[in-house]
Amino acid sequence: MPPRAPAINPDGLARWCLEHLGSPPAEEMFSSGHLSAVIGLRLADGRDVVVKVRPASPRVAVCVEVQRRLFQAGYPCPEPLTGATSFGRDIATAEVYVPGGAVLPSAGRAAWAFAEAFAWLVRLAPSPAELPPLTPAPSWAAWNHPGDGLWPRSEDADPGEVSGAEWIDDAGRRARDRLRIGGSGAVIGHCDWLAGNLRWNGDTLLVVHDWDSVTADSEDILVGFAAALYSTVDADKLATVEDTRRFLVAYGRARGRDLSAGERQRAWAAGVWTRAFDAKFQHAAGQPVTSLSEDEAAERLRRAES
């Protein structure tokens, strides 16, 4: 999928930094991004910061507030330095740059480390009732989107009319149908619990990045996303069925209460839905389908429906 990160004018960035951070950039340390432009800067006053510019959306300000409250509560996330402020037609924020750390914890402890970190986040996060709505959810988490059709339009494209690989649509539909049954009250969590968004010192969490991926949903659904997306021995490989099972067990113990049978089923279904969503877009773009195989979808659905 082609990136749509906003083009950043260096003079405009310098003016924004001076106005909102009190110091202009002295050096660009890195630049990256897909849907957002992410720029690491060393300011003239010596501070290292990350400025993120993305299309304007009311949810950005709510995401920053969640990040701020989690930082104040002691969760290892970068300290926000600004709110969501205008950057031309886009929105920009800044946070403290937190460097270093390993992409993965130790292989034997990965499920426990990722699950404990997620349970810690959910425990410290504010209640959704305390904040404005975190809507719309990121497309890969928008299983209950209000639009027509099975799949929401993503930030990049609409795959709804692409034919072929019907097993992907079938998996997504069955997962969505299971998610519509039951469910608990909404909590706030991170819906992109990929290895690339976390850094570790051994098995100790150093930092979690990408707080635009904050969303509100049932706890079991958010846990299911995380359990299906994290990595154990290779950051480029998503969780296997066994990895997901271990995560769900570890999460229950980390929160002090095992997942009920219904919670486990919905967690498995959530994982199928988000990975089928990615598989659908890979298929639509003519790329190899790596997020989910037909056999794995069948096994995950079996666990979601039994």
Protein backbone atom coordinates (compact mmCIF):
# COMPACT_ATOMS: atom_id res chain seq x y z
CA MET A 1 0.00 0.00 0.00
CA PRO A 2 1.49 3.40 -0.89
CA PRO A 3 2.31 5.73 1.98
CA ARG A 4 0.28 8.87 2.47
CA ALA A 5 2.43 10.62 5.06
CA PRO A 6 2.08 14.40 4.82
CA ALA A 7 4.94 16.24 3.12
CA ILE A 8 6.79 18.33 5.68
CA ASN A 9 8.19 21.73 4.80
CA PRO A 10 11.39 22.27 6.85
CA ASP A 11 10.68 25.97 7.36
CA GLY A 12 7.17 25.22 8.55
CA LEU A 13 8.50 22.56 10.90
CA ALA A 14 11.05 25.01 12.33
CA ARG A 15 8.36 27.61 12.94
CA TRP A 16 6.10 25.01 14.58
CA CYS A 17 8.88 23.84 16.90
CA LEU A 18 9.76 27.39 17.90
CA GLU A 19 6.12 28.22 18.63
CA HIS A 20 5.13 25.02 20.46
CA LEU A 21 8.43 23.76 21.91
CA GLY A 22 10.24 27.05 22.43
CA SER A 23 13.27 26.04 20.35
CA PRO A 24 13.94 25.45 16.64
CA PRO A 25 15.45 22.22 15.28
CA ALA A 26 19.23 21.99 15.13
CA GLU A 27 19.46 18.50 13.60
CA GLU A 28 17.17 15.89 12.07
CA MET A 29 17.98 12.50 13.62
CA PHE A 30 15.54 10.39 11.59
CA SER A 31 12.40 10.56 9.50
CA SER A 32 9.89 7.79 8.86
CA GLY A 33 6.20 7.13 8.66
CA HIS A 34 3.41 5.62 6.59
CA LEU A 35 0.13 7.37 7.33
CA SER A 36 1.96 9.91 9.51
CA ALA A 37 5.25 11.73 9.12
CA VAL A 38 7.46 10.96 12.15
CA ILE A 39 10.53 13.16 12.56
CA GLY A 40 13.17 12.82 15.27
CA LEU A 41 14.77 16.16 16.03
CA ARG A 42 17.52 17.51 18.23
CA LEU A 43 16.42 21.01 19.17
CA ALA A 44 18.76 23.96 19.49
CA ASP A 45 18.33 23.84 23.27
CA GLY A 46 19.66 20.24 23.32
CA ARG A 47 16.39 18.33 23.77
CA ASP A 48 15.66 15.28 21.63
CA VAL A 49 12.03 15.13 20.53
CA VAL A 50 9.77 13.33 18.07
CA VAL A 51 7.30 15.38 16.04
CA LYS A 52 4.44 13.51 14.40
CA VAL A 53 2.31 15.06 11.64
CA ARG A 54 -0.84 13.34 10.35
CA PRO A 55 -4.21 14.17 8.79
CA ALA A 56 -6.49 16.09 11.12
CA SER A 57 -8.93 14.04 13.21
CA PRO A 58 -10.66 14.82 16.53
CA ARG A 59 -9.47 11.48 17.94
CA VAL A 60 -5.82 12.62 17.85
CA ALA A 61 -6.34 14.98 20.79
CA VAL A 62 -7.98 12.17 22.77
CA CYS A 63 -5.11 9.81 22.00
CA VAL A 64 -2.62 12.38 23.28
CA GLU A 65 -4.62 12.81 26.47
CA VAL A 66 -4.63 9.04 27.06
CA GLN A 67 -0.87 8.98 26.51
CA ARG A 68 -0.40 11.90 28.91
CA ARG A 69 -2.44 10.24 31.65
CA LEU A 70 -0.62 6.94 31.23
CA PHE A 71 2.76 8.69 31.42
CA GLN A 72 1.67 10.50 34.57
CA ALA A 73 0.52 7.17 36.03
CA GLY A 74 3.98 5.69 35.47
CA TYR A 75 3.41 3.70 32.31
CA PRO A 76 6.48 3.55 30.02
CA CYS A 77 5.35 5.75 27.15
CA PRO A 78 7.02 8.91 25.80
CA GLU A 79 6.03 12.07 27.63
CA PRO A 80 3.80 14.27 25.43
CA LEU A 81 5.20 17.79 25.06
CA THR A 82 2.23 19.33 23.23
CA GLY A 83 -1.39 18.68 22.58
CA ALA A 84 -2.78 18.19 19.08
CA THR A 85 -2.05 21.44 17.26
CA SER A 86 -2.56 22.66 13.71
CA PHE A 87 0.18 22.13 11.14
CA GLY A 88 -1.26 23.61 7.98
CA ARG A 89 -4.20 21.37 7.11
CA ASP A 90 -2.79 18.58 9.28
CA ILE A 91 -2.31 17.97 13.00
CA ALA A 92 1.06 17.79 14.78
CA THR A 93 2.16 16.64 18.22
CA ALA A 94 5.53 16.33 19.94
CA GLU A 95 6.86 13.95 22.57
CA VAL A 96 10.14 13.16 24.28
CA TYR A 97 12.39 10.87 22.23
CA VAL A 98 12.98 7.55 24.01
CA PRO A 99 15.81 5.69 22.22
CA GLY A 100 17.23 2.19 22.57
CA GLY A 101 15.84 -1.12 23.70
CA ALA A 102 15.40 -4.48 22.01
CA VAL A 103 12.53 -5.25 19.64
CA LEU A 104 11.65 -8.47 21.50
CA PRO A 105 11.95 -9.78 25.05
CA SER A 106 13.56 -13.17 25.56
CA ALA A 107 11.93 -15.89 23.45
CA GLY A 108 10.89 -18.05 26.37
CA ARG A 109 9.17 -15.16 28.13
CA ALA A 110 7.72 -13.25 25.18
CA ALA A 111 4.06 -14.23 25.68
CA TRP A 112 4.21 -13.36 29.37
CA ALA A 113 6.09 -10.11 28.83
CA PHE A 114 3.75 -8.82 26.11
CA ALA A 115 0.64 -9.92 28.03
CA GLU A 116 1.77 -8.40 31.33
CA ALA A 117 2.60 -5.12 29.58
CA PHE A 118 -0.85 -5.06 28.00
CA ALA A 119 -2.63 -5.85 31.26
CA TRP A 120 -0.65 -3.05 32.94
CA LEU A 121 -1.78 -0.60 30.23
CA VAL A 122 -5.45 -1.55 30.55
CA ARG A 123 -5.25 -1.28 34.34
CA LEU A 124 -3.76 2.24 34.27
CA ALA A 125 -5.70 3.66 31.33
CA PRO A 126 -8.54 6.09 32.05
CA SER A 127 -12.10 4.96 31.60
CA PRO A 128 -13.59 5.77 28.18
CA ALA A 129 -16.37 7.62 30.02
CA GLU A 130 -13.81 10.20 31.21
CA LEU A 131 -12.88 11.26 27.67
CA PRO A 132 -14.42 12.26 24.35
CA PRO A 133 -15.03 9.36 21.97
CA LEU A 134 -12.00 7.61 20.47
CA THR A 135 -13.76 7.36 17.12
CA PRO A 136 -13.40 6.32 14.44
CA ALA A 137 -11.32 3.32 15.47
CA PRO A 138 -8.29 2.54 13.28
CA SER A 139 -9.50 0.52 10.32
CA TRP A 140 -7.84 -2.75 11.37
CA ALA A 141 -9.77 -2.57 14.67
CA ALA A 142 -13.08 -1.30 13.23
CA TRP A 143 -14.88 -4.65 13.15
CA ASN A 144 -18.14 -2.93 14.08
CA HIS A 145 -17.85 -0.01 11.65
CA PRO A 146 -21.08 1.77 10.64
CA GLY A 147 -20.51 1.53 6.89
CA ASP A 148 -21.91 -0.95 4.41
CA GLY A 149 -20.15 -4.19 3.74
CA LEU A 150 -17.89 -6.45 5.75
CA TRP A 151 -14.69 -4.44 5.65
CA PRO A 152 -14.27 -0.79 6.63
CA ARG A 153 -12.51 1.50 4.23
CA SER A 154 -8.94 1.73 5.44
CA GLU A 155 -6.74 4.78 5.67
CA ASP A 156 -5.30 3.73 2.28
CA ALA A 157 -8.00 2.10 0.15
CA ASP A 158 -11.28 0.21 -0.06
CA PRO A 159 -10.87 -3.53 -0.75
CA GLY A 160 -14.57 -4.32 -0.67
CA GLU A 161 -14.98 -4.90 -4.43
CA VAL A 162 -11.86 -7.06 -4.87
CA SER A 163 -12.79 -10.65 -5.67
CA GLY A 164 -10.89 -13.86 -5.02
CA ALA A 165 -9.61 -15.52 -1.83
CA GLU A 166 -13.18 -15.88 -0.60
CA TRP A 167 -11.92 -17.70 2.48
CA ILE A 168 -10.68 -14.34 3.81
CA ASP A 169 -14.16 -12.81 3.61
CA ASP A 170 -15.65 -15.92 5.17
CA ALA A 171 -13.18 -15.79 8.08
CA GLY A 172 -13.83 -12.09 8.66
CA ARG A 173 -17.59 -12.54 8.55
CA ARG A 174 -17.61 -15.47 10.97
CA ALA A 175 -15.31 -13.60 13.35
CA ARG A 176 -17.48 -10.47 13.22
CA ASP A 177 -20.62 -12.53 13.88
CA ARG A 178 -19.01 -13.99 17.01
CA LEU A 179 -17.89 -10.57 18.20
CA ARG A 180 -21.46 -9.31 18.01
CA ILE A 181 -22.53 -11.81 20.67
CA GLY A 182 -21.90 -10.81 24.28
CA GLY A 183 -19.06 -8.59 25.37
CA SER A 184 -18.27 -6.48 28.40
CA GLY A 185 -18.03 -2.75 28.99
CA ALA A 186 -15.46 -0.79 27.03
CA VAL A 187 -11.92 -0.18 28.23
CA ILE A 188 -9.07 1.71 26.61
CA GLY A 189 -6.20 -0.20 25.04
CA HIS A 190 -3.64 -0.23 22.23
CA CYS A 191 -4.89 -1.95 19.07
CA ASP A 192 -1.54 -2.27 17.25
CA TRP A 193 0.42 -4.40 19.73
CA LEU A 194 3.17 -5.21 17.23
CA ALA A 195 6.78 -5.81 18.17
CA GLY A 196 7.76 -2.70 16.20
CA ASN A 197 5.80 -0.52 18.63
CA LEU A 198 7.46 -1.82 21.84
CA ARG A 199 11.02 -1.84 23.14
CA TRP A 200 12.49 -3.95 25.93
CA ASN A 201 15.37 -4.12 28.38
CA GLY A 202 15.51 -7.88 28.74
CA ASP A 203 11.97 -8.77 29.81
CA THR A 204 11.33 -5.29 31.25
CA LEU A 205 9.24 -2.97 29.12
CA LEU A 206 11.23 0.15 28.14
CA VAL A 207 8.68 2.03 26.06
CA VAL A 208 5.50 1.68 24.00
CA HIS A 209 5.15 3.83 20.88
CA ASP A 210 2.36 4.67 18.40
CA TRP A 211 -0.30 6.11 20.67
CA ASP A 212 -2.47 7.02 17.70
CA SER A 213 -3.45 3.34 17.95
CA VAL A 214 -5.35 3.87 21.20
CA THR A 215 -8.97 2.78 20.99
CA ALA A 216 -11.88 1.79 23.22
CA ASP A 217 -13.60 -1.59 22.99
CA SER A 218 -14.47 -4.62 25.10
CA GLU A 219 -11.46 -5.88 27.02
CA ASP A 220 -11.62 -9.33 25.43
CA ILE A 221 -11.57 -7.82 21.93
CA LEU A 222 -8.56 -5.63 22.64
CA VAL A 223 -6.77 -8.56 24.26
CA GLY A 224 -7.60 -10.67 21.21
CA PHE A 225 -6.05 -8.11 18.87
CA ALA A 226 -2.89 -8.04 20.98
CA ALA A 227 -2.68 -11.82 21.31
CA ALA A 228 -2.89 -12.24 17.53
CA LEU A 229 -0.45 -9.46 16.58
CA TYR A 230 2.53 -9.73 18.93
CA SER A 231 5.73 -11.61 18.06
CA THR A 232 7.80 -14.12 19.98
CA VAL A 233 11.05 -14.90 18.16
CA ASP A 234 10.96 -12.73 15.01
CA ALA A 235 9.48 -9.25 14.78
CA ASP A 236 8.37 -9.95 11.19
CA LYS A 237 6.30 -13.01 12.17
CA LEU A 238 2.98 -12.66 13.93
CA ALA A 239 1.88 -14.93 16.74
CA THR A 240 1.18 -18.56 15.96
CA VAL A 241 -1.94 -20.24 17.30
CA GLU A 242 0.09 -21.57 20.22
CA ASP A 243 1.61 -18.12 20.84
CA THR A 244 -1.87 -16.64 21.02
CA ARG A 245 -3.02 -19.31 23.44
CA ARG A 246 -0.07 -18.58 25.72
CA PHE A 247 -0.77 -14.84 25.59
CA LEU A 248 -4.40 -15.34 26.61
CA VAL A 249 -3.39 -17.52 29.56
CA ALA A 250 -0.70 -15.04 30.59
CA TYR A 251 -3.08 -12.09 30.32
CA GLY A 252 -5.63 -13.71 32.61
CA ARG A 253 -2.98 -14.34 35.23
CA ALA A 254 -1.54 -10.82 34.86
CA ARG A 255 -4.93 -9.22 35.50
CA GLY A 256 -5.63 -11.65 38.37
CA ARG A 257 -8.56 -13.44 36.75
CA ASP A 258 -8.52 -16.02 33.97
CA LEU A 259 -10.51 -15.24 30.86
CA SER A 260 -13.94 -16.84 30.90
CA ALA A 261 -14.96 -19.22 28.12
CA GLY A 262 -16.88 -16.42 26.39
CA GLU A 263 -13.99 -13.98 26.72
CA ARG A 264 -11.59 -16.50 25.23
CA GLN A 265 -13.91 -17.12 22.28
CA ARG A 266 -14.29 -13.42 21.55
CA ALA A 267 -10.54 -12.88 21.92
CA TRP A 268 -9.88 -15.58 19.33
CA ALA A 269 -12.51 -14.04 17.05
CA ALA A 270 -10.99 -10.57 17.38
CA GLY A 271 -7.61 -11.92 16.34
CA VAL A 272 -9.13 -13.57 13.28
CA TRP A 273 -10.89 -10.36 12.28
CA THR A 274 -7.86 -8.06 12.46
CA ARG A 275 -5.57 -10.51 10.69
CA ALA A 276 -8.19 -11.26 8.03
CA PHE A 277 -8.52 -7.51 7.51
CA ASP A 278 -4.79 -7.26 6.80
CA ALA A 279 -4.94 -10.38 4.62
CA LYS A 280 -7.77 -8.84 2.59
CA PHE A 281 -5.69 -5.73 1.90
CA GLN A 282 -2.64 -7.80 0.99
CA HIS A 283 -4.77 -9.75 -1.49
CA ALA A 284 -6.34 -6.56 -2.87
CA ALA A 285 -2.89 -5.04 -3.43
CA GLY A 286 -1.66 -8.13 -5.25
CA GLN A 287 0.81 -8.93 -2.47
CA PRO A 288 1.50 -12.32 -0.90
CA VAL A 289 -1.04 -12.99 1.86
CA THR A 290 1.12 -13.32 4.96
CA SER A 291 -1.11 -12.12 7.80
CA LEU A 292 -3.30 -15.22 7.86
CA SER A 293 -3.45 -18.59 6.12
CA GLU A 294 -6.63 -20.48 5.33
CA ASP A 295 -5.66 -23.35 7.63
CA GLU A 296 -4.76 -21.01 10.48
CA ALA A 297 -8.00 -19.09 10.06
CA ALA A 298 -9.91 -22.35 10.37
CA GLU A 299 -8.11 -23.32 13.59
CA ARG A 300 -8.53 -19.89 15.15
CA LEU A 301 -12.21 -19.85 14.22
CA ARG A 302 -12.66 -23.29 15.73
CA ARG A 303 -11.42 -21.88 19.03
CA ALA A 304 -13.64 -18.82 18.65
CA GLU A 305 -16.75 -20.86 18.07
CA SER A 306 -16.34 -23.75 20.50
